[in-house]
N, C-alpha and C. Protein backbone atom coordinates (compact mmCIF):
# COMPACT_ATOMS: atom_id res chain seq x y z
N MET A 1 56.96 112.57 123.78
CA MET A 1 57.92 113.35 124.55
C MET A 1 59.18 112.53 124.82
N LYS A 2 58.96 111.24 125.22
CA LYS A 2 60.09 110.37 125.55
C LYS A 2 60.95 110.10 124.31
N ARG A 3 60.30 109.94 123.15
CA ARG A 3 61.03 109.69 121.90
C ARG A 3 61.90 110.90 121.54
N ASN A 4 61.36 112.10 121.71
CA ASN A 4 62.13 113.32 121.45
C ASN A 4 63.34 113.40 122.37
N GLN A 5 63.16 113.00 123.63
CA GLN A 5 64.26 113.01 124.59
C GLN A 5 65.34 112.01 124.16
N ASN A 6 64.91 110.81 123.70
CA ASN A 6 65.88 109.81 123.22
C ASN A 6 66.64 110.31 122.00
N ASN A 7 65.92 110.95 121.06
CA ASN A 7 66.58 111.51 119.87
C ASN A 7 67.60 112.57 120.25
N TRP A 8 67.22 113.42 121.22
CA TRP A 8 68.13 114.47 121.66
C TRP A 8 69.36 113.86 122.31
N ASN A 9 69.15 112.86 123.17
CA ASN A 9 70.26 112.18 123.84
C ASN A 9 71.19 111.51 122.82
N GLU A 10 70.59 110.87 121.81
CA GLU A 10 71.36 110.20 120.77
C GLU A 10 72.21 111.22 119.99
N ARG A 11 71.61 112.33 119.63
CA ARG A 11 72.33 113.38 118.89
C ARG A 11 73.48 113.95 119.72
N ALA A 12 73.22 114.15 121.02
CA ALA A 12 74.27 114.67 121.91
C ALA A 12 75.42 113.66 122.02
N LEU A 13 75.08 112.39 122.12
CA LEU A 13 76.10 111.34 122.21
C LEU A 13 76.95 111.31 120.94
N ILE A 14 76.29 111.35 119.79
CA ILE A 14 77.01 111.34 118.51
C ILE A 14 77.89 112.57 118.38
N ALA A 15 77.37 113.73 118.76
CA ALA A 15 78.15 114.97 118.68
C ALA A 15 79.39 114.88 119.57
N GLY A 16 79.25 114.29 120.74
CA GLY A 16 80.39 114.11 121.64
C GLY A 16 81.44 113.18 121.03
N TRP A 17 80.98 112.09 120.46
CA TRP A 17 81.91 111.16 119.79
C TRP A 17 82.62 111.85 118.64
N GLN A 18 81.84 112.58 117.87
CA GLN A 18 82.37 113.27 116.69
C GLN A 18 83.48 114.25 117.11
N LEU A 19 83.23 115.03 118.14
CA LEU A 19 84.21 116.00 118.62
C LEU A 19 85.46 115.31 119.17
N SER A 20 85.25 114.25 119.94
CA SER A 20 86.37 113.51 120.52
C SER A 20 87.23 112.86 119.45
N LEU A 21 86.59 112.28 118.46
CA LEU A 21 87.33 111.63 117.38
C LEU A 21 88.10 112.66 116.56
N SER A 22 87.48 113.80 116.34
CA SER A 22 88.10 114.85 115.53
C SER A 22 89.31 115.47 116.22
N ARG A 23 89.24 115.62 117.51
CA ARG A 23 90.30 116.33 118.24
C ARG A 23 91.35 115.42 118.87
N GLU A 24 90.97 114.17 119.21
CA GLU A 24 91.85 113.34 120.03
C GLU A 24 92.33 112.05 119.39
N ASP A 25 91.90 111.72 118.18
CA ASP A 25 92.26 110.42 117.58
C ASP A 25 91.91 109.25 118.48
N ASN A 26 90.79 109.33 119.15
CA ASN A 26 90.40 108.33 120.15
C ASN A 26 89.86 107.08 119.47
N SER A 27 90.64 106.00 119.47
CA SER A 27 90.24 104.77 118.80
C SER A 27 89.07 104.08 119.52
N GLN A 28 88.96 104.30 120.82
CA GLN A 28 87.83 103.73 121.56
C GLN A 28 86.52 104.38 121.11
N VAL A 29 86.55 105.68 120.92
CA VAL A 29 85.37 106.40 120.44
C VAL A 29 85.04 105.95 119.02
N TYR A 30 86.07 105.76 118.20
CA TYR A 30 85.86 105.28 116.84
C TYR A 30 85.16 103.92 116.88
N SER A 31 85.59 103.05 117.75
CA SER A 31 84.98 101.73 117.88
C SER A 31 83.51 101.86 118.29
N GLN A 32 83.22 102.77 119.21
CA GLN A 32 81.83 102.99 119.64
C GLN A 32 80.97 103.51 118.47
N LEU A 33 81.54 104.44 117.71
CA LEU A 33 80.83 104.96 116.55
C LEU A 33 80.54 103.85 115.54
N CYS A 34 81.55 103.01 115.29
CA CYS A 34 81.37 101.90 114.35
C CYS A 34 80.28 100.96 114.82
N THR A 35 80.31 100.63 116.09
CA THR A 35 79.29 99.74 116.66
C THR A 35 77.91 100.36 116.54
N PHE A 36 77.82 101.64 116.82
CA PHE A 36 76.53 102.36 116.78
C PHE A 36 75.96 102.40 115.37
N PHE A 37 76.80 102.68 114.37
CA PHE A 37 76.30 102.91 113.02
C PHE A 37 76.34 101.68 112.11
N SER A 38 77.17 100.69 112.39
CA SER A 38 77.40 99.62 111.41
C SER A 38 76.12 98.88 111.03
N ARG A 39 75.30 98.51 111.97
CA ARG A 39 74.08 97.76 111.66
C ARG A 39 73.10 98.62 110.83
N ARG A 40 72.97 99.89 111.20
CA ARG A 40 72.06 100.79 110.46
C ARG A 40 72.55 100.99 109.02
N LEU A 41 73.85 101.25 108.88
CA LEU A 41 74.41 101.45 107.55
C LEU A 41 74.33 100.17 106.72
N HIS A 42 74.51 99.03 107.36
CA HIS A 42 74.44 97.75 106.67
C HIS A 42 73.04 97.53 106.08
N ARG A 43 72.02 97.75 106.90
CA ARG A 43 70.63 97.59 106.41
C ARG A 43 70.37 98.54 105.24
N PHE A 44 70.86 99.75 105.36
CA PHE A 44 70.70 100.75 104.31
C PHE A 44 71.40 100.31 103.03
N ALA A 45 72.63 99.85 103.14
CA ALA A 45 73.41 99.40 101.96
C ALA A 45 72.76 98.19 101.30
N CYS A 46 72.22 97.28 102.10
CA CYS A 46 71.57 96.08 101.55
C CYS A 46 70.39 96.44 100.65
N GLN A 47 69.72 97.54 100.95
CA GLN A 47 68.60 97.96 100.12
C GLN A 47 69.07 98.32 98.71
N TYR A 48 70.29 98.78 98.58
CA TYR A 48 70.84 99.14 97.28
C TYR A 48 71.46 97.95 96.56
N VAL A 49 72.35 97.23 97.25
CA VAL A 49 73.17 96.23 96.56
C VAL A 49 72.60 94.82 96.64
N LYS A 50 71.63 94.58 97.49
CA LYS A 50 70.95 93.28 97.59
C LYS A 50 71.91 92.13 97.91
N SER A 51 72.98 92.43 98.64
CA SER A 51 73.95 91.41 99.02
C SER A 51 74.52 91.77 100.39
N ARG A 52 74.40 90.85 101.33
CA ARG A 52 74.92 91.12 102.67
C ARG A 52 76.44 91.30 102.67
N GLU A 53 77.12 90.43 101.92
CA GLU A 53 78.58 90.49 101.89
C GLU A 53 79.07 91.79 101.29
N LEU A 54 78.46 92.18 100.19
CA LEU A 54 78.85 93.44 99.55
C LEU A 54 78.50 94.62 100.45
N ALA A 55 77.36 94.55 101.12
CA ALA A 55 76.99 95.61 102.06
C ALA A 55 78.00 95.69 103.20
N ASP A 56 78.47 94.53 103.68
CA ASP A 56 79.52 94.51 104.71
C ASP A 56 80.76 95.24 104.24
N GLU A 57 81.17 94.97 103.03
CA GLU A 57 82.38 95.59 102.48
C GLU A 57 82.19 97.09 102.30
N ILE A 58 81.02 97.48 101.86
CA ILE A 58 80.73 98.90 101.67
C ILE A 58 80.77 99.63 103.01
N VAL A 59 80.11 99.05 104.01
CA VAL A 59 80.10 99.68 105.34
C VAL A 59 81.51 99.73 105.91
N SER A 60 82.29 98.69 105.69
CA SER A 60 83.69 98.70 106.14
C SER A 60 84.46 99.83 105.48
N ASP A 61 84.25 100.01 104.18
CA ASP A 61 84.91 101.10 103.46
C ASP A 61 84.50 102.45 104.03
N VAL A 62 83.23 102.63 104.27
CA VAL A 62 82.72 103.90 104.80
C VAL A 62 83.30 104.17 106.18
N LEU A 63 83.30 103.15 107.03
CA LEU A 63 83.82 103.35 108.39
C LEU A 63 85.33 103.55 108.39
N LEU A 64 86.02 102.90 107.47
CA LEU A 64 87.45 103.13 107.34
C LEU A 64 87.71 104.58 106.88
N LYS A 65 86.90 105.03 105.93
CA LYS A 65 87.01 106.42 105.45
C LYS A 65 86.73 107.40 106.59
N LEU A 66 85.79 107.04 107.46
CA LEU A 66 85.48 107.88 108.62
C LEU A 66 86.73 108.08 109.47
N TRP A 67 87.49 107.02 109.69
CA TRP A 67 88.73 107.13 110.47
C TRP A 67 89.75 108.00 109.72
N GLN A 68 89.82 107.81 108.42
CA GLN A 68 90.81 108.56 107.63
C GLN A 68 90.52 110.06 107.62
N ILE A 69 89.26 110.45 107.69
CA ILE A 69 88.91 111.87 107.64
C ILE A 69 88.53 112.42 109.02
N ARG A 70 88.89 111.71 110.06
CA ARG A 70 88.46 112.07 111.42
C ARG A 70 88.79 113.51 111.80
N ARG A 71 89.91 114.05 111.32
CA ARG A 71 90.32 115.42 111.66
C ARG A 71 89.35 116.47 111.10
N LYS A 72 88.62 116.10 110.06
CA LYS A 72 87.69 117.04 109.42
C LYS A 72 86.27 116.91 109.96
N LEU A 73 86.04 115.97 110.86
CA LEU A 73 84.67 115.69 111.31
C LEU A 73 84.04 116.82 112.10
N GLU A 74 84.86 117.65 112.71
CA GLU A 74 84.31 118.75 113.49
C GLU A 74 83.49 119.69 112.60
N GLY A 75 83.83 119.75 111.33
CA GLY A 75 83.10 120.61 110.39
C GLY A 75 81.85 119.98 109.80
N VAL A 76 81.60 118.70 110.11
CA VAL A 76 80.41 118.01 109.58
C VAL A 76 79.21 118.37 110.45
N GLU A 77 78.18 118.89 109.81
CA GLU A 77 77.02 119.37 110.56
C GLU A 77 76.17 118.23 111.14
N ASP A 78 75.89 117.21 110.33
CA ASP A 78 75.03 116.11 110.77
C ASP A 78 75.71 114.79 110.39
N LEU A 79 76.44 114.20 111.32
CA LEU A 79 77.23 113.00 111.05
C LEU A 79 76.39 111.83 110.54
N PRO A 80 75.24 111.52 111.14
CA PRO A 80 74.46 110.40 110.60
C PRO A 80 74.08 110.59 109.13
N VAL A 81 73.63 111.77 108.77
CA VAL A 81 73.27 112.04 107.38
C VAL A 81 74.51 111.91 106.49
N TYR A 82 75.62 112.43 106.96
CA TYR A 82 76.89 112.36 106.22
C TYR A 82 77.28 110.90 105.95
N LEU A 83 77.17 110.04 106.97
CA LEU A 83 77.53 108.63 106.81
C LEU A 83 76.57 107.90 105.87
N PHE A 84 75.29 108.21 105.94
CA PHE A 84 74.33 107.57 105.04
C PHE A 84 74.55 108.01 103.59
N ILE A 85 74.92 109.27 103.39
CA ILE A 85 75.22 109.74 102.03
C ILE A 85 76.49 109.06 101.52
N MET A 86 77.51 108.94 102.37
CA MET A 86 78.73 108.23 101.96
C MET A 86 78.41 106.79 101.58
N THR A 87 77.56 106.14 102.36
CA THR A 87 77.18 104.75 102.10
C THR A 87 76.42 104.64 100.79
N LYS A 88 75.48 105.54 100.57
CA LYS A 88 74.70 105.52 99.32
C LYS A 88 75.63 105.70 98.12
N ASN A 89 76.53 106.66 98.20
CA ASN A 89 77.45 106.92 97.09
C ASN A 89 78.35 105.72 96.82
N ARG A 90 78.82 105.08 97.87
CA ARG A 90 79.68 103.90 97.72
C ARG A 90 78.88 102.75 97.10
N CYS A 91 77.62 102.59 97.50
CA CYS A 91 76.75 101.55 96.90
C CYS A 91 76.58 101.79 95.41
N LEU A 92 76.31 103.03 95.05
CA LEU A 92 76.10 103.34 93.64
C LEU A 92 77.37 103.11 92.83
N ARG A 93 78.53 103.45 93.39
CA ARG A 93 79.80 103.18 92.70
C ARG A 93 80.02 101.69 92.53
N CYS A 94 79.72 100.90 93.55
CA CYS A 94 79.88 99.44 93.46
C CYS A 94 78.96 98.85 92.39
N LEU A 95 77.73 99.30 92.35
CA LEU A 95 76.79 98.80 91.35
C LEU A 95 77.27 99.17 89.95
N GLU A 96 77.78 100.36 89.80
CA GLU A 96 78.30 100.80 88.51
C GLU A 96 79.52 99.96 88.11
N GLN A 97 80.41 99.68 89.06
CA GLN A 97 81.59 98.86 88.77
C GLN A 97 81.20 97.44 88.40
N GLN A 98 80.21 96.91 89.08
CA GLN A 98 79.76 95.55 88.77
C GLN A 98 79.22 95.48 87.35
N GLU A 99 78.53 96.51 86.96
CA GLU A 99 77.98 96.55 85.60
C GLU A 99 79.09 96.58 84.56
N ARG A 100 80.15 97.33 84.85
CA ARG A 100 81.25 97.47 83.90
C ARG A 100 82.24 96.32 83.94
N ASN A 101 82.38 95.65 85.09
CA ASN A 101 83.42 94.65 85.24
C ASN A 101 82.88 93.37 85.87
N PRO A 102 82.40 92.44 85.06
CA PRO A 102 81.83 91.20 85.60
C PRO A 102 82.86 90.35 86.33
N VAL A 103 84.14 90.49 86.02
CA VAL A 103 85.18 89.72 86.73
C VAL A 103 85.24 90.13 88.18
N GLN A 104 85.14 91.44 88.44
CA GLN A 104 85.15 91.91 89.81
C GLN A 104 83.90 91.40 90.53
N GLN A 105 82.81 91.28 89.82
CA GLN A 105 81.60 90.75 90.41
C GLN A 105 81.82 89.32 90.88
N VAL A 106 82.60 88.53 90.15
CA VAL A 106 82.93 87.18 90.58
C VAL A 106 83.67 87.23 91.91
N ALA A 107 84.64 88.12 92.01
CA ALA A 107 85.43 88.24 93.24
C ALA A 107 84.55 88.67 94.41
N LEU A 108 83.59 89.55 94.16
CA LEU A 108 82.74 90.03 95.22
C LEU A 108 81.75 88.99 95.72
N HIS A 109 81.30 88.12 94.84
CA HIS A 109 80.24 87.19 95.22
C HIS A 109 80.70 85.75 95.40
N GLY A 110 81.95 85.48 95.26
CA GLY A 110 82.44 84.13 95.50
C GLY A 110 82.71 83.40 94.20
N LEU A 111 83.68 82.51 94.25
CA LEU A 111 84.13 81.82 93.05
C LEU A 111 83.12 80.79 92.56
N GLU A 112 82.42 80.15 93.47
CA GLU A 112 81.53 79.07 93.06
C GLU A 112 80.28 79.57 92.37
N GLU A 113 80.01 80.86 92.42
CA GLU A 113 78.79 81.39 91.82
C GLU A 113 78.99 81.82 90.38
N TYR A 114 80.18 81.62 89.83
CA TYR A 114 80.43 82.07 88.46
C TYR A 114 79.56 81.27 87.51
N PRO A 115 78.76 81.94 86.70
CA PRO A 115 77.82 81.21 85.84
C PRO A 115 78.55 80.51 84.68
N GLU A 116 78.20 79.28 84.48
CA GLU A 116 78.75 78.53 83.36
C GLU A 116 77.60 78.03 82.51
N SER A 117 77.76 78.11 81.22
CA SER A 117 76.78 77.50 80.34
C SER A 117 77.32 76.14 79.93
N GLY A 118 76.55 75.37 79.26
CA GLY A 118 76.95 74.01 78.93
C GLY A 118 77.91 73.88 77.77
N ASP A 119 78.10 74.94 76.96
CA ASP A 119 78.95 74.76 75.78
C ASP A 119 80.43 74.79 76.17
N PRO A 120 81.28 74.00 75.47
CA PRO A 120 82.69 73.88 75.82
C PRO A 120 83.45 75.20 75.83
N GLU A 121 83.12 76.11 74.90
CA GLU A 121 83.85 77.38 74.85
C GLU A 121 83.63 78.18 76.14
N SER A 122 82.37 78.24 76.60
CA SER A 122 82.07 78.96 77.83
C SER A 122 82.74 78.32 79.03
N ILE A 123 82.74 77.00 79.08
CA ILE A 123 83.39 76.29 80.19
C ILE A 123 84.88 76.57 80.18
N CYS A 124 85.50 76.59 79.00
CA CYS A 124 86.92 76.87 78.87
C CYS A 124 87.22 78.30 79.33
N ILE A 125 86.40 79.25 78.91
CA ILE A 125 86.60 80.65 79.30
C ILE A 125 86.46 80.80 80.80
N SER A 126 85.43 80.19 81.38
CA SER A 126 85.24 80.32 82.82
C SER A 126 86.37 79.61 83.57
N GLY A 127 86.87 78.50 83.03
CA GLY A 127 88.01 77.83 83.65
C GLY A 127 89.24 78.71 83.64
N ASP A 128 89.49 79.39 82.51
CA ASP A 128 90.62 80.33 82.43
C ASP A 128 90.44 81.47 83.43
N THR A 129 89.23 81.97 83.51
CA THR A 129 88.95 83.06 84.44
C THR A 129 89.20 82.61 85.87
N LEU A 130 88.73 81.41 86.21
CA LEU A 130 88.95 80.90 87.57
C LEU A 130 90.44 80.73 87.86
N ARG A 131 91.21 80.26 86.88
CA ARG A 131 92.66 80.13 87.08
C ARG A 131 93.29 81.50 87.33
N GLN A 132 92.83 82.51 86.59
CA GLN A 132 93.34 83.87 86.79
C GLN A 132 93.00 84.38 88.19
N ILE A 133 91.79 84.09 88.62
CA ILE A 133 91.36 84.52 89.96
C ILE A 133 92.23 83.85 91.02
N HIS A 134 92.45 82.54 90.89
CA HIS A 134 93.27 81.82 91.87
C HIS A 134 94.71 82.33 91.84
N ALA A 135 95.23 82.64 90.66
CA ALA A 135 96.59 83.20 90.56
C ALA A 135 96.65 84.57 91.23
N ALA A 136 95.60 85.37 91.03
CA ALA A 136 95.55 86.69 91.66
C ALA A 136 95.45 86.55 93.18
N LEU A 137 94.69 85.55 93.64
CA LEU A 137 94.58 85.30 95.08
C LEU A 137 95.95 85.01 95.69
N ASP A 138 96.77 84.27 94.96
CA ASP A 138 98.09 83.91 95.47
C ASP A 138 99.00 85.13 95.64
N THR A 139 98.67 86.25 95.01
CA THR A 139 99.50 87.45 95.15
C THR A 139 99.13 88.27 96.38
N LEU A 140 98.00 87.94 97.03
CA LEU A 140 97.58 88.69 98.22
C LEU A 140 98.49 88.35 99.40
N PRO A 141 98.61 89.27 100.35
CA PRO A 141 99.34 88.95 101.59
C PRO A 141 98.66 87.76 102.29
N PRO A 142 99.42 86.94 103.01
CA PRO A 142 98.87 85.69 103.58
C PRO A 142 97.60 85.88 104.42
N ARG A 143 97.58 86.85 105.33
CA ARG A 143 96.40 87.02 106.18
C ARG A 143 95.20 87.46 105.35
N CYS A 144 95.42 88.36 104.43
CA CYS A 144 94.36 88.86 103.56
C CYS A 144 93.79 87.71 102.72
N ARG A 145 94.67 86.88 102.17
CA ARG A 145 94.26 85.73 101.36
C ARG A 145 93.47 84.74 102.19
N ARG A 146 93.93 84.48 103.41
CA ARG A 146 93.24 83.51 104.27
C ARG A 146 91.83 84.01 104.61
N ILE A 147 91.71 85.29 104.93
CA ILE A 147 90.40 85.86 105.25
C ILE A 147 89.48 85.77 104.03
N PHE A 148 90.00 86.11 102.85
CA PHE A 148 89.19 86.04 101.63
C PHE A 148 88.69 84.62 101.41
N ARG A 149 89.58 83.65 101.55
CA ARG A 149 89.17 82.25 101.31
C ARG A 149 88.17 81.76 102.34
N LEU A 150 88.38 82.11 103.61
CA LEU A 150 87.45 81.67 104.65
C LEU A 150 86.05 82.25 104.42
N VAL A 151 85.99 83.52 104.04
CA VAL A 151 84.69 84.17 103.86
C VAL A 151 84.07 83.82 102.52
N LYS A 152 84.83 83.99 101.43
CA LYS A 152 84.26 83.86 100.09
C LYS A 152 84.20 82.41 99.59
N GLU A 153 85.21 81.63 99.88
CA GLU A 153 85.21 80.26 99.37
C GLU A 153 84.53 79.30 100.33
N ASP A 154 84.81 79.46 101.64
CA ASP A 154 84.23 78.55 102.62
C ASP A 154 82.87 79.02 103.12
N GLY A 155 82.54 80.29 102.85
CA GLY A 155 81.24 80.82 103.25
C GLY A 155 81.08 81.04 104.74
N ARG A 156 82.18 81.25 105.44
CA ARG A 156 82.10 81.46 106.89
C ARG A 156 81.70 82.91 107.19
N PRO A 157 80.91 83.11 108.23
CA PRO A 157 80.52 84.47 108.60
C PRO A 157 81.71 85.25 109.17
N TYR A 158 81.64 86.57 109.07
CA TYR A 158 82.73 87.43 109.54
C TYR A 158 83.05 87.16 111.02
N ARG A 159 82.01 86.99 111.81
CA ARG A 159 82.20 86.79 113.25
C ARG A 159 83.03 85.52 113.51
N GLU A 160 82.71 84.46 112.80
CA GLU A 160 83.43 83.20 112.97
C GLU A 160 84.90 83.34 112.56
N VAL A 161 85.14 84.02 111.45
CA VAL A 161 86.52 84.24 110.98
C VAL A 161 87.28 85.08 112.00
N ALA A 162 86.62 86.11 112.53
CA ALA A 162 87.25 86.97 113.54
C ALA A 162 87.66 86.16 114.77
N LEU A 163 86.78 85.28 115.22
CA LEU A 163 87.10 84.45 116.38
C LEU A 163 88.23 83.46 116.07
N MET A 164 88.17 82.85 114.89
CA MET A 164 89.20 81.89 114.49
C MET A 164 90.58 82.53 114.46
N MET A 165 90.65 83.75 113.91
CA MET A 165 91.93 84.41 113.71
C MET A 165 92.31 85.35 114.85
N GLN A 166 91.42 85.44 115.84
CA GLN A 166 91.62 86.29 117.01
C GLN A 166 91.87 87.75 116.61
N ILE A 167 90.97 88.24 115.75
CA ILE A 167 90.98 89.63 115.32
C ILE A 167 89.56 90.15 115.40
N SER A 168 89.38 91.44 115.20
CA SER A 168 88.02 92.02 115.27
C SER A 168 87.29 91.80 113.95
N GLU A 169 85.97 91.89 114.02
CA GLU A 169 85.15 91.78 112.80
C GLU A 169 85.47 92.91 111.84
N ILE A 170 85.77 94.07 112.38
CA ILE A 170 86.11 95.22 111.54
C ILE A 170 87.39 94.92 110.75
N THR A 171 88.35 94.26 111.39
CA THR A 171 89.58 93.89 110.69
C THR A 171 89.27 92.90 109.58
N VAL A 172 88.39 91.95 109.86
CA VAL A 172 87.99 90.99 108.82
C VAL A 172 87.37 91.74 107.64
N ARG A 173 86.45 92.65 107.93
CA ARG A 173 85.81 93.42 106.86
C ARG A 173 86.82 94.24 106.08
N ASN A 174 87.72 94.90 106.80
CA ASN A 174 88.71 95.74 106.12
C ASN A 174 89.65 94.91 105.25
N GLN A 175 90.11 93.77 105.77
CA GLN A 175 91.00 92.91 104.99
C GLN A 175 90.29 92.35 103.76
N LEU A 176 89.02 92.01 103.92
CA LEU A 176 88.24 91.51 102.80
C LEU A 176 88.06 92.60 101.74
N ALA A 177 87.80 93.81 102.19
CA ALA A 177 87.67 94.93 101.25
C ALA A 177 88.98 95.17 100.50
N ILE A 178 90.09 95.07 101.21
CA ILE A 178 91.41 95.22 100.58
C ILE A 178 91.61 94.13 99.54
N ALA A 179 91.28 92.90 99.91
CA ALA A 179 91.44 91.77 98.98
C ALA A 179 90.61 91.97 97.73
N VAL A 180 89.37 92.36 97.89
CA VAL A 180 88.48 92.54 96.75
C VAL A 180 88.99 93.66 95.86
N ARG A 181 89.46 94.76 96.48
CA ARG A 181 89.99 95.88 95.70
C ARG A 181 91.22 95.44 94.90
N LYS A 182 92.13 94.71 95.55
CA LYS A 182 93.34 94.26 94.87
C LYS A 182 93.01 93.26 93.76
N LEU A 183 92.09 92.35 94.04
CA LEU A 183 91.69 91.38 93.02
C LEU A 183 91.03 92.08 91.84
N GLY A 184 90.17 93.05 92.14
CA GLY A 184 89.50 93.79 91.08
C GLY A 184 90.49 94.50 90.18
N LYS A 185 91.52 95.12 90.77
CA LYS A 185 92.53 95.81 89.98
C LYS A 185 93.35 94.83 89.17
N ARG A 186 93.72 93.72 89.80
CA ARG A 186 94.57 92.74 89.14
C ARG A 186 93.85 92.04 87.99
N LEU A 187 92.54 91.82 88.16
CA LEU A 187 91.78 91.06 87.17
C LEU A 187 91.05 91.95 86.17
N ALA A 188 91.13 93.26 86.34
CA ALA A 188 90.39 94.17 85.46
C ALA A 188 90.91 94.11 84.04
N TYR A 189 89.99 93.94 83.12
CA TYR A 189 90.31 94.02 81.70
C TYR A 189 89.06 94.51 80.99
N PRO A 190 89.20 95.10 79.82
CA PRO A 190 88.02 95.63 79.13
C PRO A 190 86.99 94.55 78.83
N VAL A 191 85.76 94.85 79.11
CA VAL A 191 84.67 93.91 78.82
C VAL A 191 84.30 94.06 77.36
N GLN A 192 84.25 92.94 76.64
CA GLN A 192 83.87 92.98 75.23
C GLN A 192 82.37 92.94 75.12
N ARG A 193 81.85 93.82 74.28
CA ARG A 193 80.38 93.87 74.12
C ARG A 193 80.03 93.65 72.70
């Protein structure tokens, strides 16, 4: 009985947030929604992509999309289901992109993880690729580039970067997602098979 009451209270709370966000552009409510759903969506995304960092970026994209479509939320029947479906679809798109574009996979998982074999040709190719990645990094806006380097190259957690730069974790996630998207576009080239 108590569990049913909690579920009902949770649904009522979410419905209230959904209505407020849809009608009032309330950024405080958006922040509450993000806090409420981010951990759940992150665990869900990790089951698909098997990477915490990529799951962070996916959840950031989904939550950013939530803000962008906030005016249409009043028509969404079940917001939690809607968000989980958005997350699943974004995970599947990311996995598909990784399969098609290994260069973007390097950007998503960090520069030091790029596989090198021992033969000189492979080392030369990976060296060229790394130079291209670093050149592409230099084209990012300064704050975006700094966040990318702190998270991907230095391996710092989002929370630490947020504290260092005096910004929110959501901003770190969003900036990282922007950086990865821009790097992926800049470095995209047909994969030879």
